């Protein structure tokens, strides 16, 4: 039952798991995006999930919020590990797991004790109202690089209690039509360092979208940064001098908090 309109204090916390792994929590609900990954594949070098964060994520008494929803943008090793997901599902029961409908991601009944929680995403646009106040949308997009034309890749829009986030993963920002996205205003947009570095990426962020924060993720930690991406992002932030706050997610255990007052209903 709704009460009289009143101001509501809202808090969202964003936790870096590692690489493009992000945990977003608000009002006691949490979503993990690309946070169960492996770093042993070939190609792009990704820092492993730090041991302390791994324990906080997997142990029932860990310090991190337990995710209600697991979300994966695509099946590359640095975003998704089937082995790690199965290990997680053996001990935890999230409300739903969203996976690209590609053979690399398919799970068997033996892999998960709750097959009804698995959702395979394949269409150009799919939106899931998973519960009151939380909607997860998938926009089928091209993966950056000519070698990945067969990769089923999605940008993810997470709406969690009036906060809306866009996670672009490895989108091909050179050729993708961002005008077709169903939303243009976000509290935060997550882009990888190449997206943020390129002038075309800047045009997309400033001319097509409207956001309160830009988060640069998909960065290796300092000890693994063989291509000096952290330095590149630091210089890019200075070069572009954006009026929008830019937060590089690059340190183990890094968190960011968004706190605001909303005018709204007593119960969301």
C-alpha atoms as a PDB file:
ATOM      1  CA  UNK A   1       0.000   0.000   0.000  1.00  0.00           C
ATOM      2  CA  UNK A   2       1.410   3.383  -0.973  1.00  0.00           C
ATOM      3  CA  UNK A   3       1.683   6.133   1.593  1.00  0.00           C
ATOM      4  CA  UNK A   4       1.899   9.876   1.204  1.00  0.00           C
ATOM      5  CA  UNK A   5       4.682  11.142  -1.088  1.00  0.00           C
ATOM      6  CA  UNK A   6       7.833  11.962   0.817  1.00  0.00           C
ATOM      7  CA  UNK A   7      11.562  12.324   0.299  1.00  0.00           C
ATOM      8  CA  UNK A   8      13.445   9.038   0.195  1.00  0.00           C
ATOM      9  CA  UNK A   9      17.128   8.674   0.893  1.00  0.00           C
ATOM     10  CA  UNK A  10      18.647   6.276  -1.632  1.00  0.00           C
ATOM     11  CA  UNK A  11      22.079   4.693  -1.530  1.00  0.00           C
ATOM     12  CA  UNK A  12      23.777   2.648  -4.219  1.00  0.00           C
ATOM     13  CA  UNK A  13      27.166   1.029  -3.857  1.00  0.00           C
ATOM     14  CA  UNK A  14      29.307  -0.121  -6.741  1.00  0.00           C
ATOM     15  CA  UNK A  15      32.030  -2.684  -6.060  1.00  0.00           C
ATOM     16  CA  UNK A  16      34.831  -3.635  -8.426  1.00  0.00           C
ATOM     17  CA  UNK A  17      35.316  -7.400  -8.512  1.00  0.00           C
ATOM     18  CA  UNK A  18      38.038  -7.219 -11.152  1.00  0.00           C
ATOM     19  CA  UNK A  19      38.394  -6.467 -14.864  1.00  0.00           C
ATOM     20  CA  UNK A  20      34.794  -5.784 -16.070  1.00  0.00           C
ATOM     21  CA  UNK A  21      33.263  -7.497 -13.040  1.00  0.00           C
ATOM     22  CA  UNK A  22      30.973  -5.053 -11.235  1.00  0.00           C
ATOM     23  CA  UNK A  23      28.641  -5.609  -8.275  1.00  0.00           C
ATOM     24  CA  UNK A  24      25.891  -3.001  -7.866  1.00  0.00           C
ATOM     25  CA  UNK A  25      23.864  -2.957  -4.644  1.00  0.00           C
ATOM     26  CA  UNK A  26      20.920  -0.806  -3.597  1.00  0.00           C
ATOM     27  CA  UNK A  27      18.268  -1.171  -0.917  1.00  0.00           C
ATOM     28  CA  UNK A  28      19.469  -4.641   0.031  1.00  0.00           C
ATOM     29  CA  UNK A  29      19.399  -5.998  -3.536  1.00  0.00           C
ATOM     30  CA  UNK A  30      22.501  -6.730  -5.590  1.00  0.00           C
ATOM     31  CA  UNK A  31      23.382  -7.547  -9.198  1.00  0.00           C
ATOM     32  CA  UNK A  32      26.706  -8.972 -10.353  1.00  0.00           C
ATOM     33  CA  UNK A  33      27.697  -8.218 -13.950  1.00  0.00           C
ATOM     34  CA  UNK A  34      30.559 -10.113 -15.630  1.00  0.00           C
ATOM     35  CA  UNK A  35      31.974 -10.849 -12.194  1.00  0.00           C
ATOM     36  CA  UNK A  36      32.704 -14.581 -12.496  1.00  0.00           C
ATOM     37  CA  UNK A  37      35.495 -14.677 -15.039  1.00  0.00           C
ATOM     38  CA  UNK A  38      38.837 -16.293 -15.738  1.00  0.00           C
ATOM     39  CA  UNK A  39      42.095 -14.575 -16.659  1.00  0.00           C
ATOM     40  CA  UNK A  40      43.922 -17.562 -18.162  1.00  0.00           C
ATOM     41  CA  UNK A  41      42.735 -17.192 -21.748  1.00  0.00           C
ATOM     42  CA  UNK A  42      44.749 -15.840 -24.628  1.00  0.00           C
ATOM     43  CA  UNK A  43      44.446 -12.352 -26.081  1.00  0.00           C
ATOM     44  CA  UNK A  44      43.424  -9.478 -23.826  1.00  0.00           C
ATOM     45  CA  UNK A  45      45.205  -9.680 -20.489  1.00  0.00           C
ATOM     46  CA  UNK A  46      42.920  -9.447 -17.449  1.00  0.00           C
ATOM     47  CA  UNK A  47      43.858  -9.273 -13.795  1.00  0.00           C
ATOM     48  CA  UNK A  48      42.548 -12.192 -11.738  1.00  0.00           C
ATOM     49  CA  UNK A  49      39.889 -11.718  -9.096  1.00  0.00           C
ATOM     50  CA  UNK A  50      41.854 -10.852  -5.929  1.00  0.00           C
ATOM     51  CA  UNK A  51      41.788 -13.670  -3.402  1.00  0.00           C
ATOM     52  CA  UNK A  52      40.194 -11.560  -0.664  1.00  0.00           C
ATOM     53  CA  UNK A  53      37.414 -10.447  -3.017  1.00  0.00           C
ATOM     54  CA  UNK A  54      36.926 -14.004  -4.223  1.00  0.00           C
ATOM     55  CA  UNK A  55      36.432 -15.142  -0.635  1.00  0.00           C
ATOM     56  CA  UNK A  56      34.051 -12.275   0.166  1.00  0.00           C
ATOM     57  CA  UNK A  57      32.024 -13.135  -2.930  1.00  0.00           C
ATOM     58  CA  UNK A  58      31.918 -16.911  -2.490  1.00  0.00           C
ATOM     59  CA  UNK A  59      31.864 -17.414   1.283  1.00  0.00           C
ATOM     60  CA  UNK A  60      28.434 -17.233   2.886  1.00  0.00           C
ATOM     61  CA  UNK A  61      29.773 -14.898   5.553  1.00  0.00           C
ATOM     62  CA  UNK A  62      31.774 -12.784   3.102  1.00  0.00           C
ATOM     63  CA  UNK A  63      31.755  -9.009   3.347  1.00  0.00           C
ATOM     64  CA  UNK A  64      30.327  -8.392  -0.124  1.00  0.00           C
ATOM     65  CA  UNK A  65      26.551  -8.334  -0.676  1.00  0.00           C
ATOM     66  CA  UNK A  66      25.329 -11.636  -2.075  1.00  0.00           C
ATOM     67  CA  UNK A  67      24.054 -11.016  -5.616  1.00  0.00           C
ATOM     68  CA  UNK A  68      20.391 -11.728  -6.291  1.00  0.00           C
ATOM     69  CA  UNK A  69      21.063 -11.702 -10.040  1.00  0.00           C
ATOM     70  CA  UNK A  70      24.065 -12.793 -12.082  1.00  0.00           C
ATOM     71  CA  UNK A  71      24.395 -11.117 -15.472  1.00  0.00           C
ATOM     72  CA  UNK A  72      26.841 -11.821 -18.293  1.00  0.00           C
ATOM     73  CA  UNK A  73      27.342  -9.634 -21.359  1.00  0.00           C
ATOM     74  CA  UNK A  74      29.126 -12.266 -23.451  1.00  0.00           C
ATOM     75  CA  UNK A  75      31.092 -15.478 -23.104  1.00  0.00           C
ATOM     76  CA  UNK A  76      34.700 -14.392 -23.486  1.00  0.00           C
ATOM     77  CA  UNK A  77      36.938 -15.760 -20.736  1.00  0.00           C
ATOM     78  CA  UNK A  78      37.584 -12.335 -19.194  1.00  0.00           C
ATOM     79  CA  UNK A  79      33.832 -11.792 -18.669  1.00  0.00           C
ATOM     80  CA  UNK A  80      32.477 -15.287 -18.075  1.00  0.00           C
ATOM     81  CA  UNK A  81      33.812 -18.527 -16.655  1.00  0.00           C
ATOM     82  CA  UNK A  82      31.449 -21.485 -16.866  1.00  0.00           C
ATOM     83  CA  UNK A  83      33.587 -23.361 -14.350  1.00  0.00           C
ATOM     84  CA  UNK A  84      33.493 -20.517 -11.844  1.00  0.00           C
ATOM     85  CA  UNK A  85      29.758 -20.024 -12.336  1.00  0.00           C
ATOM     86  CA  UNK A  86      29.095 -23.716 -11.658  1.00  0.00           C
ATOM     87  CA  UNK A  87      31.281 -23.537  -8.548  1.00  0.00           C
ATOM     88  CA  UNK A  88      29.270 -20.543  -7.362  1.00  0.00           C
ATOM     89  CA  UNK A  89      25.897 -22.164  -8.083  1.00  0.00           C
ATOM     90  CA  UNK A  90      26.910 -25.248  -6.114  1.00  0.00           C
ATOM     91  CA  UNK A  91      26.879 -23.143  -2.943  1.00  0.00           C
ATOM     92  CA  UNK A  92      24.560 -20.215  -3.717  1.00  0.00           C
ATOM     93  CA  UNK A  93      21.059 -19.803  -5.129  1.00  0.00           C
ATOM     94  CA  UNK A  94      20.652 -16.459  -6.901  1.00  0.00           C
ATOM     95  CA  UNK A  95      17.163 -15.593  -8.075  1.00  0.00           C
ATOM     96  CA  UNK A  96      18.230 -15.618 -11.729  1.00  0.00           C
ATOM     97  CA  UNK A  97      21.259 -16.011 -13.965  1.00  0.00           C
ATOM     98  CA  UNK A  98      21.281 -14.285 -17.370  1.00  0.00           C
ATOM     99  CA  UNK A  99      23.527 -15.773 -20.043  1.00  0.00           C
ATOM    100  CA  UNK A 100      23.985 -15.195 -23.773  1.00  0.00           C
ATOM    101  CA  UNK A 101      22.343 -18.055 -25.678  1.00  0.00           C
ATOM    102  CA  UNK A 102      25.587 -19.418 -27.087  1.00  0.00           C
ATOM    103  CA  UNK A 103      27.020 -22.924 -26.839  1.00  0.00           C
ATOM    104  CA  UNK A 104      29.909 -21.752 -24.638  1.00  0.00           C
ATOM    105  CA  UNK A 105      27.463 -20.686 -21.928  1.00  0.00           C
ATOM    106  CA  UNK A 106      24.899 -23.511 -21.923  1.00  0.00           C
ATOM    107  CA  UNK A 107      24.482 -25.224 -18.567  1.00  0.00           C
ATOM    108  CA  UNK A 108      23.189 -28.717 -17.848  1.00  0.00           C
ATOM    109  CA  UNK A 109      20.998 -29.852 -14.977  1.00  0.00           C
ATOM    110  CA  UNK A 110      24.145 -31.225 -13.395  1.00  0.00           C
ATOM    111  CA  UNK A 111      25.734 -27.765 -13.571  1.00  0.00           C
ATOM    112  CA  UNK A 112      22.949 -26.112 -11.598  1.00  0.00           C
ATOM    113  CA  UNK A 113      20.450 -27.489  -9.136  1.00  0.00           C
ATOM    114  CA  UNK A 114      17.917 -24.837 -10.142  1.00  0.00           C
ATOM    115  CA  UNK A 115      17.611 -24.760 -13.949  1.00  0.00           C
ATOM    116  CA  UNK A 116      14.530 -22.529 -13.723  1.00  0.00           C
ATOM    117  CA  UNK A 117      16.783 -19.687 -12.573  1.00  0.00           C
ATOM    118  CA  UNK A 118      18.746 -19.681 -15.850  1.00  0.00           C
ATOM    119  CA  UNK A 119      17.663 -17.227 -18.541  1.00  0.00           C
ATOM    120  CA  UNK A 120      19.259 -17.396 -21.992  1.00  0.00           C
ATOM    121  CA  UNK A 121      19.273 -14.127 -23.910  1.00  0.00           C
ATOM    122  CA  UNK A 122      19.386 -14.050 -27.706  1.00  0.00           C
ATOM    123  CA  UNK A 123      17.122 -11.394 -29.209  1.00  0.00           C
ATOM    124  CA  UNK A 124      18.058  -7.873 -30.281  1.00  0.00           C
ATOM    125  CA  UNK A 125      16.365  -6.412 -27.222  1.00  0.00           C
ATOM    126  CA  UNK A 126      15.097  -8.154 -24.118  1.00  0.00           C
ATOM    127  CA  UNK A 127      13.915  -6.556 -20.881  1.00  0.00           C
ATOM    128  CA  UNK A 128      13.206  -8.438 -17.667  1.00  0.00           C
ATOM    129  CA  UNK A 129      11.233  -6.872 -14.824  1.00  0.00           C
ATOM    130  CA  UNK A 130      12.676  -9.281 -12.291  1.00  0.00           C
ATOM    131  CA  UNK A 131      10.994  -7.706  -9.299  1.00  0.00           C
ATOM    132  CA  UNK A 132       9.510  -4.443  -8.195  1.00  0.00           C
ATOM    133  CA  UNK A 133      12.094  -1.704  -8.686  1.00  0.00           C
ATOM    134  CA  UNK A 134      14.572  -3.810 -10.681  1.00  0.00           C
ATOM    135  CA  UNK A 135      14.675  -4.211 -14.461  1.00  0.00           C
ATOM    136  CA  UNK A 136      17.490  -5.787 -16.466  1.00  0.00           C
ATOM    137  CA  UNK A 137      17.660  -5.071 -20.195  1.00  0.00           C
ATOM    138  CA  UNK A 138      19.885  -6.555 -22.871  1.00  0.00           C
ATOM    139  CA  UNK A 139      20.702  -4.811 -26.160  1.00  0.00           C
ATOM    140  CA  UNK A 140      22.354  -6.998 -28.767  1.00  0.00           C
ATOM    141  CA  UNK A 141      25.444  -5.196 -30.049  1.00  0.00           C
ATOM    142  CA  UNK A 142      28.556  -5.937 -32.043  1.00  0.00           C
ATOM    143  CA  UNK A 143      31.754  -6.838 -30.221  1.00  0.00           C
ATOM    144  CA  UNK A 144      34.762  -4.656 -30.942  1.00  0.00           C
ATOM    145  CA  UNK A 145      37.164  -6.257 -33.428  1.00  0.00           C
ATOM    146  CA  UNK A 146      36.689  -8.022 -36.745  1.00  0.00           C
ATOM    147  CA  UNK A 147      37.706 -11.361 -35.227  1.00  0.00           C
ATOM    148  CA  UNK A 148      34.651 -11.426 -32.957  1.00  0.00           C
ATOM    149  CA  UNK A 149      31.838 -11.181 -35.484  1.00  0.00           C
ATOM    150  CA  UNK A 150      30.301 -14.435 -34.226  1.00  0.00           C
ATOM    151  CA  UNK A 151      30.314 -13.384 -30.580  1.00  0.00           C
ATOM    152  CA  UNK A 152      26.864 -12.914 -29.077  1.00  0.00           C
ATOM    153  CA  UNK A 153      27.424  -9.675 -27.196  1.00  0.00           C
ATOM    154  CA  UNK A 154      25.068  -7.458 -25.188  1.00  0.00           C
ATOM    155  CA  UNK A 155      25.171  -4.067 -23.587  1.00  0.00           C
ATOM    156  CA  UNK A 156      23.335  -4.249 -20.276  1.00  0.00           C
ATOM    157  CA  UNK A 157      21.018  -1.657 -18.761  1.00  0.00           C
ATOM    158  CA  UNK A 158      20.342  -2.133 -15.071  1.00  0.00           C
ATOM    159  CA  UNK A 159      17.590  -0.138 -13.409  1.00  0.00           C
ATOM    160  CA  UNK A 160      17.692  -0.647  -9.673  1.00  0.00           C
ATOM    161  CA  UNK A 161      15.428   1.492  -7.509  1.00  0.00           C
ATOM    162  CA  UNK A 162      15.449   4.559  -9.748  1.00  0.00           C
ATOM    163  CA  UNK A 163      19.146   4.350 -10.533  1.00  0.00           C
ATOM    164  CA  UNK A 164      19.919   3.428 -14.136  1.00  0.00           C
ATOM    165  CA  UNK A 165      23.299   2.123 -15.265  1.00  0.00           C
ATOM    166  CA  UNK A 166      24.615   1.227 -18.704  1.00  0.00           C
ATOM    167  CA  UNK A 167      27.396  -1.336 -18.935  1.00  0.00           C
ATOM    168  CA  UNK A 168      28.851  -1.403 -22.438  1.00  0.00           C
ATOM    169  CA  UNK A 169      31.326  -4.300 -22.012  1.00  0.00           C
ATOM    170  CA  UNK A 170      33.266  -4.662 -25.306  1.00  0.00           C
ATOM    171  CA  UNK A 171      30.821  -2.944 -27.634  1.00  0.00           C
ATOM    172  CA  UNK A 172      32.027  -1.887 -31.079  1.00  0.00           C
ATOM    173  CA  UNK A 173      31.603   1.834 -30.547  1.00  0.00           C
ATOM    174  CA  UNK A 174      32.839   2.546 -34.084  1.00  0.00           C
ATOM    175  CA  UNK A 175      29.849   0.980 -35.812  1.00  0.00           C
ATOM    176  CA  UNK A 176      27.093   0.527 -33.235  1.00  0.00           C
ATOM    177  CA  UNK A 177      23.960   2.696 -33.447  1.00  0.00           C
ATOM    178  CA  UNK A 178      23.536   4.016 -29.917  1.00  0.00           C
ATOM    179  CA  UNK A 179      20.579   6.130 -30.956  1.00  0.00           C
ATOM    180  CA  UNK A 180      18.456   2.975 -30.898  1.00  0.00           C
ATOM    181  CA  UNK A 181      19.056   2.411 -27.203  1.00  0.00           C
ATOM    182  CA  UNK A 182      15.777   2.712 -25.255  1.00  0.00           C
ATOM    183  CA  UNK A 183      17.254   5.099 -22.674  1.00  0.00           C
ATOM    184  CA  UNK A 184      19.625   8.023 -22.997  1.00  0.00           C
ATOM    185  CA  UNK A 185      19.903   9.241 -19.380  1.00  0.00           C
ATOM    186  CA  UNK A 186      21.875   7.265 -16.818  1.00  0.00           C
ATOM    187  CA  UNK A 187      23.276   7.715 -13.347  1.00  0.00           C
ATOM    188  CA  UNK A 188      26.398   5.934 -14.580  1.00  0.00           C
ATOM    189  CA  UNK A 189      27.837   4.594 -17.835  1.00  0.00           C
ATOM    190  CA  UNK A 190      30.601   1.986 -17.778  1.00  0.00           C
ATOM    191  CA  UNK A 191      33.030   1.991 -20.706  1.00  0.00           C
ATOM    192  CA  UNK A 192      36.319   0.246 -21.349  1.00  0.00           C
ATOM    193  CA  UNK A 193      39.545   2.277 -21.754  1.00  0.00           C
ATOM    194  CA  UNK A 194      39.500   2.126 -25.571  1.00  0.00           C
ATOM    195  CA  UNK A 195      35.939   3.472 -25.649  1.00  0.00           C
ATOM    196  CA  UNK A 196      36.892   6.352 -23.364  1.00  0.00           C
ATOM    197  CA  UNK A 197      40.194   7.015 -25.165  1.00  0.00           C
ATOM    198  CA  UNK A 198      38.839   7.437 -28.666  1.00  0.00           C
ATOM    199  CA  UNK A 199      37.265  10.760 -29.763  1.00  0.00           C
ATOM    200  CA  UNK A 200      34.345   8.814 -31.224  1.00  0.00           C
ATOM    201  CA  UNK A 201      33.699   7.325 -27.796  1.00  0.00           C
ATOM    202  CA  UNK A 202      33.744  10.808 -26.316  1.00  0.00           C
ATOM    203  CA  UNK A 203      31.194  11.979 -28.877  1.00  0.00           C
ATOM    204  CA  UNK A 204      28.892   9.124 -27.922  1.00  0.00           C
ATOM    205  CA  UNK A 205      29.171   9.879 -24.211  1.00  0.00           C
ATOM    206  CA  UNK A 206      28.613  13.604 -24.618  1.00  0.00           C
ATOM    207  CA  UNK A 207      26.291  13.901 -27.626  1.00  0.00           C
ATOM    208  CA  UNK A 208      24.064  10.825 -27.467  1.00  0.00           C
ATOM    209  CA  UNK A 209      23.899   9.978 -23.789  1.00  0.00           C
ATOM    210  CA  UNK A 210      23.427  12.003 -20.642  1.00  0.00           C
ATOM    211  CA  UNK A 211      25.054  10.626 -17.509  1.00  0.00           C
ATOM    212  CA  UNK A 212      26.009  11.775 -14.037  1.00  0.00           C
ATOM    213  CA  UNK A 213      29.145   9.610 -13.881  1.00  0.00           C
ATOM    214  CA  UNK A 214      31.448   7.912 -16.351  1.00  0.00           C
ATOM    215  CA  UNK A 215      33.099   4.769 -15.020  1.00  0.00           C
ATOM    216  CA  UNK A 216      36.123   3.433 -16.901  1.00  0.00           C
ATOM    217  CA  UNK A 217      36.392  -0.270 -16.182  1.00  0.00           C
ATOM    218  CA  UNK A 218      37.911  -3.348 -17.852  1.00  0.00           C
ATOM    219  CA  UNK A 219      41.296  -2.115 -16.600  1.00  0.00           C
ATOM    220  CA  UNK A 220      44.069  -4.385 -15.294  1.00  0.00           C
ATOM    221  CA  UNK A 221      45.405  -3.711 -11.837  1.00  0.00           C
ATOM    222  CA  UNK A 222      48.712  -1.811 -11.685  1.00  0.00           C
ATOM    223  CA  UNK A 223      50.867  -4.936 -11.301  1.00  0.00           C
ATOM    224  CA  UNK A 224      49.328  -6.477 -14.431  1.00  0.00           C
ATOM    225  CA  UNK A 225      49.147  -3.347 -16.572  1.00  0.00           C
ATOM    226  CA  UNK A 226      51.607  -4.389 -19.278  1.00  0.00           C
ATOM    227  CA  UNK A 227      50.060  -1.979 -21.816  1.00  0.00           C
ATOM    228  CA  UNK A 228      49.975   1.000 -19.422  1.00  0.00           C
ATOM    229  CA  UNK A 229      46.224   1.427 -19.759  1.00  0.00           C
ATOM    230  CA  UNK A 230      45.897   3.087 -16.366  1.00  0.00           C
ATOM    231  CA  UNK A 231      48.366   5.769 -17.464  1.00  0.00           C
ATOM    232  CA  UNK A 232      46.479   6.204 -20.734  1.00  0.00           C
ATOM    233  CA  UNK A 233      43.176   6.712 -18.916  1.00  0.00           C
ATOM    234  CA  UNK A 234      44.750   9.211 -16.498  1.00  0.00           C
ATOM    235  CA  UNK A 235      46.071  11.243 -19.425  1.00  0.00           C
ATOM    236  CA  UNK A 236      42.743  10.966 -21.250  1.00  0.00           C
ATOM    237  CA  UNK A 237      40.874  12.348 -18.247  1.00  0.00           C
ATOM    238  CA  UNK A 238      43.245  15.327 -18.222  1.00  0.00           C
ATOM    239  CA  UNK A 239      43.018  15.758 -21.994  1.00  0.00           C
ATOM    240  CA  UNK A 240      39.244  15.726 -22.267  1.00  0.00           C
ATOM    241  CA  UNK A 241      38.621  17.750 -19.078  1.00  0.00           C
ATOM    242  CA  UNK A 242      35.052  16.483 -18.951  1.00  0.00           C
ATOM    243  CA  UNK A 243      32.558  18.250 -16.735  1.00  0.00           C
ATOM    244  CA  UNK A 244      31.142  14.809 -15.984  1.00  0.00           C
ATOM    245  CA  UNK A 245      32.991  13.091 -13.121  1.00  0.00           C
ATOM    246  CA  UNK A 246      35.125  10.240 -14.458  1.00  0.00           C
ATOM    247  CA  UNK A 247      35.960   7.369 -12.106  1.00  0.00           C
ATOM    248  CA  UNK A 248      38.569   4.812 -13.209  1.00  0.00           C
ATOM    249  CA  UNK A 249      37.896   1.411 -11.642  1.00  0.00           C
ATOM    250  CA  UNK A 250      41.439   0.098 -11.350  1.00  0.00           C
ATOM    251  CA  UNK A 251      42.271  -0.775  -7.730  1.00  0.00           C
ATOM    252  CA  UNK A 252      41.536  -4.051  -5.887  1.00  0.00           C
ATOM    253  CA  UNK A 253      38.596  -3.600  -3.558  1.00  0.00           C
ATOM    254  CA  UNK A 254      37.629  -0.242  -5.062  1.00  0.00           C
ATOM    255  CA  UNK A 255      34.079   0.919  -4.301  1.00  0.00           C
ATOM    256  CA  UNK A 256      31.971   3.923  -5.183  1.00  0.00           C
ATOM    257  CA  UNK A 257      28.840   5.175  -3.433  1.00  0.00           C
ATOM    258  CA  UNK A 258      25.979   7.166  -4.903  1.00  0.00           C
ATOM    259  CA  UNK A 259      23.710   8.821  -2.363  1.00  0.00           C
ATOM    260  CA  UNK A 260      20.770  11.060  -3.134  1.00  0.00           C
ATOM    261  CA  UNK A 261      17.370  12.180  -1.949  1.00  0.00           C
ATOM    262  CA  UNK A 262      14.419  11.255  -4.160  1.00  0.00           C
ATOM    263  CA  UNK A 263      10.971  12.700  -4.007  1.00  0.00           C
ATOM    264  CA  UNK A 264       8.637   9.768  -4.246  1.00  0.00           C
ATOM    265  CA  UNK A 265       6.321   7.284  -2.679  1.00  0.00           C
ATOM    266  CA  UNK A 266       6.715   5.808   0.734  1.00  0.00           C
ATOM    267  CA  UNK A 267       7.113   2.353  -0.758  1.00  0.00           C
ATOM    268  CA  UNK A 268       8.822   1.805  -4.118  1.00  0.00           C
END
